[in-house]
N, C-alpha and C. Protein backbone atom coordinates (compact mmCIF):
# COMPACT_ATOMS: atom_id res chain seq x y z
N MET A 1 169.77 48.31 70.16
CA MET A 1 169.53 49.32 71.87
C MET A 1 170.57 50.03 71.01
N ARG A 2 169.78 51.34 71.06
CA ARG A 2 170.24 52.66 70.96
C ARG A 2 170.47 53.19 72.33
N THR A 3 171.50 54.00 72.21
CA THR A 3 172.85 54.46 73.14
C THR A 3 172.97 56.07 73.20
N VAL A 4 172.13 56.94 73.76
CA VAL A 4 173.11 58.39 73.88
C VAL A 4 174.28 58.34 74.29
N ILE A 5 175.06 59.12 74.43
CA ILE A 5 176.73 59.40 74.69
C ILE A 5 176.37 60.32 75.04
N LEU A 6 176.57 61.34 76.58
CA LEU A 6 177.02 62.53 76.89
C LEU A 6 177.77 62.67 77.43
N ASP A 7 178.58 63.77 76.53
CA ASP A 7 179.64 63.82 77.47
C ASP A 7 180.09 65.46 77.33
N ILE A 8 181.35 65.98 77.48
CA ILE A 8 181.88 67.43 77.91
C ILE A 8 182.53 67.44 76.01
N GLY A 9 182.39 69.20 75.94
CA GLY A 9 183.18 69.12 74.94
C GLY A 9 182.86 70.14 74.11
N SER A 10 183.64 70.37 72.95
CA SER A 10 183.66 72.04 72.70
C SER A 10 182.96 71.31 71.42
N LEU A 11 182.44 72.67 70.73
CA LEU A 11 182.06 72.31 69.25
C LEU A 11 182.71 71.87 68.21
N ASP A 12 184.01 72.38 68.50
CA ASP A 12 184.92 71.45 67.14
C ASP A 12 184.85 70.17 67.46
N GLN A 13 185.12 69.71 68.89
CA GLN A 13 185.03 67.84 69.08
C GLN A 13 183.83 67.49 68.32
N GLY A 14 182.60 68.25 68.80
CA GLY A 14 181.34 67.54 68.93
C GLY A 14 181.42 67.59 66.93
N LEU A 15 181.81 68.56 66.26
CA LEU A 15 181.84 68.00 64.73
C LEU A 15 182.87 67.36 64.09
N ALA A 16 183.87 66.84 64.76
CA ALA A 16 184.28 65.76 64.27
C ALA A 16 183.84 64.69 64.91
N ALA A 17 183.80 64.28 65.79
CA ALA A 17 182.71 63.10 65.78
C ALA A 17 181.72 62.74 64.89
N PHE A 18 180.85 63.61 64.70
CA PHE A 18 179.63 63.59 63.55
C PHE A 18 180.78 63.55 62.24
N GLY A 19 181.77 64.20 62.77
CA GLY A 19 182.10 63.80 60.73
C GLY A 19 183.07 62.64 60.64
N GLU A 20 183.57 62.40 61.79
CA GLU A 20 184.02 60.64 61.69
C GLU A 20 182.77 59.82 61.36
N THR A 21 182.07 59.85 62.53
CA THR A 21 180.50 58.84 62.13
C THR A 21 179.98 58.77 60.59
N TRP A 22 179.52 60.29 60.07
CA TRP A 22 179.37 59.84 59.23
C TRP A 22 180.08 59.56 57.84
N ALA A 23 180.95 59.20 58.35
CA ALA A 23 182.49 59.18 57.07
C ALA A 23 182.27 57.58 57.60
N SER A 24 181.99 57.35 58.39
CA SER A 24 182.27 55.46 58.86
C SER A 24 181.25 54.59 57.92
N GLY A 25 180.24 55.43 57.13
CA GLY A 25 179.06 55.13 57.00
C GLY A 25 178.16 53.87 57.49
N LEU A 26 178.39 53.88 58.99
CA LEU A 26 177.96 52.68 59.59
C LEU A 26 176.55 53.08 60.72
N PRO A 27 175.92 52.39 60.25
CA PRO A 27 174.55 52.89 61.03
C PRO A 27 174.60 52.90 62.39
N GLU A 28 173.69 54.11 62.47
CA GLU A 28 173.60 54.75 64.13
C GLU A 28 173.32 53.93 64.74
N SER A 29 173.56 53.42 65.93
CA SER A 29 173.16 53.34 67.08
C SER A 29 173.68 53.96 68.25
N SER A 30 173.96 54.77 67.67
CA SER A 30 174.57 56.10 69.24
C SER A 30 174.13 57.11 68.62
N ALA A 31 173.99 57.55 69.61
CA ALA A 31 173.79 59.52 69.42
C ALA A 31 175.12 59.79 70.42
N ARG A 32 175.52 61.49 70.23
CA ARG A 32 176.44 61.97 71.00
C ARG A 32 175.92 63.39 71.30
N ILE A 33 175.56 63.93 72.11
CA ILE A 33 175.35 65.42 72.67
C ILE A 33 176.11 66.12 73.94
N SER A 34 177.01 66.24 73.09
CA SER A 34 178.34 67.45 74.20
C SER A 34 177.73 68.46 74.60
N PHE A 35 178.04 68.79 75.92
CA PHE A 35 177.31 70.25 76.72
C PHE A 35 179.14 70.53 76.69
N ALA A 36 178.89 71.94 76.50
CA ALA A 36 180.48 73.28 76.55
C ALA A 36 181.16 72.97 78.52
N SER A 37 180.63 72.07 79.24
CA SER A 37 180.99 72.40 80.79
C SER A 37 180.76 71.46 81.34
N PRO A 38 180.84 70.51 82.08
CA PRO A 38 180.36 69.85 83.46
C PRO A 38 178.90 70.70 83.90
N GLU A 39 179.30 72.13 84.25
CA GLU A 39 178.50 72.50 85.11
C GLU A 39 177.54 73.01 84.39
N LEU A 40 177.18 73.03 83.11
CA LEU A 40 176.14 73.02 82.26
C LEU A 40 175.29 71.84 82.17
N LEU A 41 175.75 70.76 82.17
CA LEU A 41 176.14 69.13 81.68
C LEU A 41 174.68 69.06 82.98
N TRP A 42 175.29 68.97 84.40
CA TRP A 42 174.43 69.38 85.88
C TRP A 42 173.42 69.90 85.80
N LYS A 43 173.35 71.46 84.95
CA LYS A 43 172.41 72.21 85.12
C LYS A 43 171.10 71.28 84.41
N VAL A 44 171.63 70.89 83.11
CA VAL A 44 170.29 70.57 82.69
C VAL A 44 170.03 69.65 82.14
N LEU A 45 170.29 68.61 82.90
CA LEU A 45 170.36 67.27 83.73
C LEU A 45 170.45 67.22 85.29
N SER A 46 169.01 68.36 85.83
CA SER A 46 168.88 68.08 87.27
C SER A 46 168.23 66.79 88.03
N ALA A 47 168.00 66.87 89.15
CA ALA A 47 167.75 65.55 90.06
C ALA A 47 166.71 64.96 89.20
N LYS A 48 165.36 66.14 88.80
CA LYS A 48 163.97 65.87 88.74
C LYS A 48 164.47 65.48 87.22
N ARG A 49 164.89 66.43 86.39
CA ARG A 49 164.90 65.89 84.82
C ARG A 49 165.77 64.41 84.76
N TRP A 50 166.67 64.36 85.93
CA TRP A 50 166.85 62.36 85.48
C TRP A 50 166.17 62.02 85.54
N GLU A 51 165.41 61.97 86.59
CA GLU A 51 164.27 61.03 87.04
C GLU A 51 163.03 60.53 85.99
N LEU A 52 163.00 62.07 84.92
CA LEU A 52 161.75 61.87 84.09
C LEU A 52 162.65 60.85 83.05
N LEU A 53 163.74 61.22 82.52
CA LEU A 53 164.84 60.58 81.60
C LEU A 53 164.70 59.11 81.02
N LYS A 54 164.56 58.72 83.24
CA LYS A 54 164.56 57.81 83.37
C LYS A 54 163.42 56.86 83.18
N ALA A 55 162.56 57.22 83.72
CA ALA A 55 160.75 57.02 83.45
C ALA A 55 160.52 57.09 82.08
N MET A 56 161.61 57.88 81.17
CA MET A 56 160.90 57.79 80.20
C MET A 56 161.40 56.83 79.35
N THR A 57 162.88 56.00 79.63
CA THR A 57 163.71 55.57 78.93
C THR A 57 162.84 54.53 78.23
N GLY A 58 162.55 54.13 76.48
CA GLY A 58 162.01 52.55 76.73
C GLY A 58 160.94 52.98 76.66
N LYS A 59 160.26 54.07 76.59
CA LYS A 59 158.89 54.13 76.37
C LYS A 59 158.17 54.70 75.14
N GLU A 60 156.84 55.10 74.38
CA GLU A 60 156.99 55.07 73.38
C GLU A 60 156.54 56.08 73.28
N ALA A 61 156.60 57.09 73.04
CA ALA A 61 156.20 58.34 72.82
C ALA A 61 154.81 59.12 73.25
N MET A 62 155.07 60.38 74.15
CA MET A 62 153.95 60.22 74.89
C MET A 62 153.71 62.00 75.82
N SER A 63 152.17 62.71 75.58
CA SER A 63 152.21 63.82 75.81
C SER A 63 152.69 64.12 77.02
N VAL A 64 152.91 65.19 77.23
CA VAL A 64 153.69 66.25 78.19
C VAL A 64 152.80 65.58 79.39
N ARG A 65 151.50 65.59 79.72
CA ARG A 65 150.76 65.46 80.78
C ARG A 65 151.08 63.65 81.28
N GLY A 66 150.83 62.64 80.25
CA GLY A 66 151.62 61.31 80.30
C GLY A 66 152.95 61.85 80.70
N ALA A 67 153.77 62.54 80.96
CA ALA A 67 155.06 62.32 81.34
C ALA A 67 154.98 62.82 82.82
N ALA A 68 154.04 63.96 82.58
CA ALA A 68 153.91 63.99 84.82
C ALA A 68 153.26 63.17 85.58
N ARG A 69 152.60 62.57 84.28
CA ARG A 69 151.31 60.80 85.04
C ARG A 69 152.26 60.03 85.46
N LEU A 70 153.52 59.67 84.65
CA LEU A 70 154.09 58.67 84.86
C LEU A 70 155.48 59.00 86.38
N VAL A 71 155.71 60.30 86.16
CA VAL A 71 156.74 60.81 86.94
C VAL A 71 156.06 61.17 88.52
N GLY A 72 154.73 61.19 88.50
CA GLY A 72 154.07 61.78 89.29
C GLY A 72 154.48 63.51 89.88
N ARG A 73 154.09 63.90 88.94
CA ARG A 73 154.33 65.90 89.53
C ARG A 73 153.19 66.28 88.51
N ASP A 74 153.86 67.60 88.90
CA ASP A 74 152.94 68.60 88.47
C ASP A 74 152.87 68.66 87.09
N VAL A 75 152.29 69.07 85.75
CA VAL A 75 152.59 69.16 84.60
C VAL A 75 153.43 70.12 84.33
N LYS A 76 152.90 71.77 85.22
CA LYS A 76 153.49 72.10 84.46
C LYS A 76 154.86 72.58 85.12
N ALA A 77 155.29 72.15 85.83
CA ALA A 77 156.86 71.82 86.18
C ALA A 77 157.32 70.54 84.91
N VAL A 78 156.87 69.50 85.03
CA VAL A 78 157.26 68.59 83.71
C VAL A 78 157.13 69.44 82.56
N HIS A 79 156.13 70.43 82.66
CA HIS A 79 156.46 70.87 80.79
C HIS A 79 157.65 71.90 80.89
N SER A 80 157.86 72.39 81.90
CA SER A 80 159.39 73.21 81.68
C SER A 80 160.09 72.24 81.77
N ASP A 81 160.35 71.16 82.60
CA ASP A 81 161.16 70.08 82.38
C ASP A 81 161.56 69.66 80.76
N ILE A 82 160.68 69.12 79.91
CA ILE A 82 160.73 69.06 79.28
C ILE A 82 161.05 69.80 77.79
N HIS A 83 160.59 70.99 78.51
CA HIS A 83 161.14 72.00 76.97
C HIS A 83 162.64 72.23 77.46
N ALA A 84 163.54 72.47 78.64
CA ALA A 84 164.80 72.35 78.79
C ALA A 84 165.37 70.62 77.83
N LEU A 85 164.60 69.82 78.02
CA LEU A 85 165.26 68.89 77.16
C LEU A 85 165.33 68.89 76.12
N LEU A 86 164.10 69.67 75.67
CA LEU A 86 164.00 69.53 74.11
C LEU A 86 165.34 70.46 73.88
N VAL A 87 165.42 71.90 74.09
CA VAL A 87 166.19 72.94 73.71
C VAL A 87 167.76 71.83 73.41
N ALA A 88 168.42 70.73 74.53
CA ALA A 88 169.36 70.85 75.00
C ALA A 88 169.46 69.38 73.95
N GLY A 89 168.41 68.97 73.25
CA GLY A 89 168.80 67.53 72.59
C GLY A 89 168.80 66.17 72.94
N VAL A 90 168.05 66.06 74.09
CA VAL A 90 167.98 65.12 74.71
C VAL A 90 166.79 64.60 74.55
N LEU A 91 165.76 65.31 74.43
CA LEU A 91 164.36 64.81 74.17
C LEU A 91 163.73 64.90 73.32
N ARG A 92 163.29 64.51 71.97
CA ARG A 92 163.11 64.58 70.62
C ARG A 92 161.26 64.71 70.34
N LYS A 93 160.78 66.05 69.43
CA LYS A 93 159.36 66.06 69.48
C LYS A 93 158.69 65.28 68.28
N THR A 94 157.34 64.55 69.03
CA THR A 94 157.51 64.08 67.04
C THR A 94 155.89 65.01 66.69
N ASP A 95 155.73 64.60 65.43
CA ASP A 95 155.40 65.44 64.36
C ASP A 95 153.68 65.71 65.03
N ASP A 96 153.67 64.85 65.87
CA ASP A 96 152.06 65.21 66.58
C ASP A 96 151.88 65.56 67.71
N GLY A 97 153.40 66.33 67.88
CA GLY A 97 153.31 66.46 69.47
C GLY A 97 153.42 66.28 70.50
N GLN A 98 153.76 65.32 70.67
CA GLN A 98 154.42 64.03 71.86
C GLN A 98 155.92 64.72 71.79
N VAL A 99 156.49 63.88 73.16
CA VAL A 99 157.63 63.86 73.18
C VAL A 99 158.10 62.17 74.01
N VAL A 100 159.53 61.90 73.59
CA VAL A 100 159.84 60.86 73.94
C VAL A 100 161.62 61.17 73.95
N PHE A 101 162.06 59.82 74.89
CA PHE A 101 162.88 59.96 74.99
C PHE A 101 163.25 58.63 73.59
N PRO A 102 163.95 58.32 72.66
CA PRO A 102 164.49 57.88 71.69
C PRO A 102 166.02 57.11 71.68
N PHE A 103 165.82 57.06 73.59
CA PHE A 103 167.03 55.65 73.79
C PHE A 103 166.76 55.51 74.96
N ASP A 104 167.03 53.95 74.87
CA ASP A 104 166.98 52.67 75.64
C ASP A 104 168.16 52.38 76.79
N THR A 105 169.77 53.01 75.99
CA THR A 105 170.59 53.61 77.34
C THR A 105 170.75 54.89 77.15
N VAL A 106 171.66 55.49 78.95
CA VAL A 106 172.27 56.49 79.08
C VAL A 106 173.44 56.52 78.98
N HIS A 107 174.52 57.05 78.49
CA HIS A 107 176.54 56.75 78.88
C HIS A 107 176.86 58.13 78.94
N ILE A 108 177.71 58.75 80.49
CA ILE A 108 177.86 59.61 80.67
C ILE A 108 179.25 59.55 80.57
N ASP A 109 179.86 60.33 79.40
CA ASP A 109 181.43 60.17 80.09
C ASP A 109 182.50 61.90 79.95
N PHE A 110 182.34 61.66 81.36
CA PHE A 110 183.90 63.17 81.07
C PHE A 110 184.73 62.56 82.29
N MET A 111 186.01 63.50 82.12
CA MET A 111 187.19 62.94 83.54
C MET A 111 187.26 64.47 84.10
N LEU A 112 187.51 63.83 85.79
CA LEU A 112 187.41 65.27 86.42
C LEU A 112 189.48 65.00 86.56
N LYS A 113 189.68 66.22 86.18
CA LYS A 113 191.58 66.67 86.15
C LYS A 113 191.67 67.63 88.10
N ALA A 114 192.65 66.72 88.08
CA ALA A 114 193.33 68.32 88.51
C ALA A 114 194.00 69.46 88.66
N ALA A 115 193.24 70.55 88.74
CA ALA A 115 193.65 72.24 88.37
C ALA A 115 194.74 72.23 88.32
């Protein structure tokens, strides 16, 4: 099972985590995508985009039109959401131009602290 961990962290923290994973030599069973702030995470993972990810979880690669059909939404709107998720590194594009969410589970990890 492949898990993606979405968290809040700086570039330095992300690079350090990558270095630890690389040095361990263990096979990759999870991926980590870090966002600079909780606000950025929620901007990228809007309610509609979250719905799209839930629908694509565990599915094979598909076209944008196929993804739109899957969630019952307009192709143009889904295209826009897919583009944002590709830029954020959440979705991947295959060699033949289809999109895939290559994870079986999503774990969101961040802490809210008193100001």
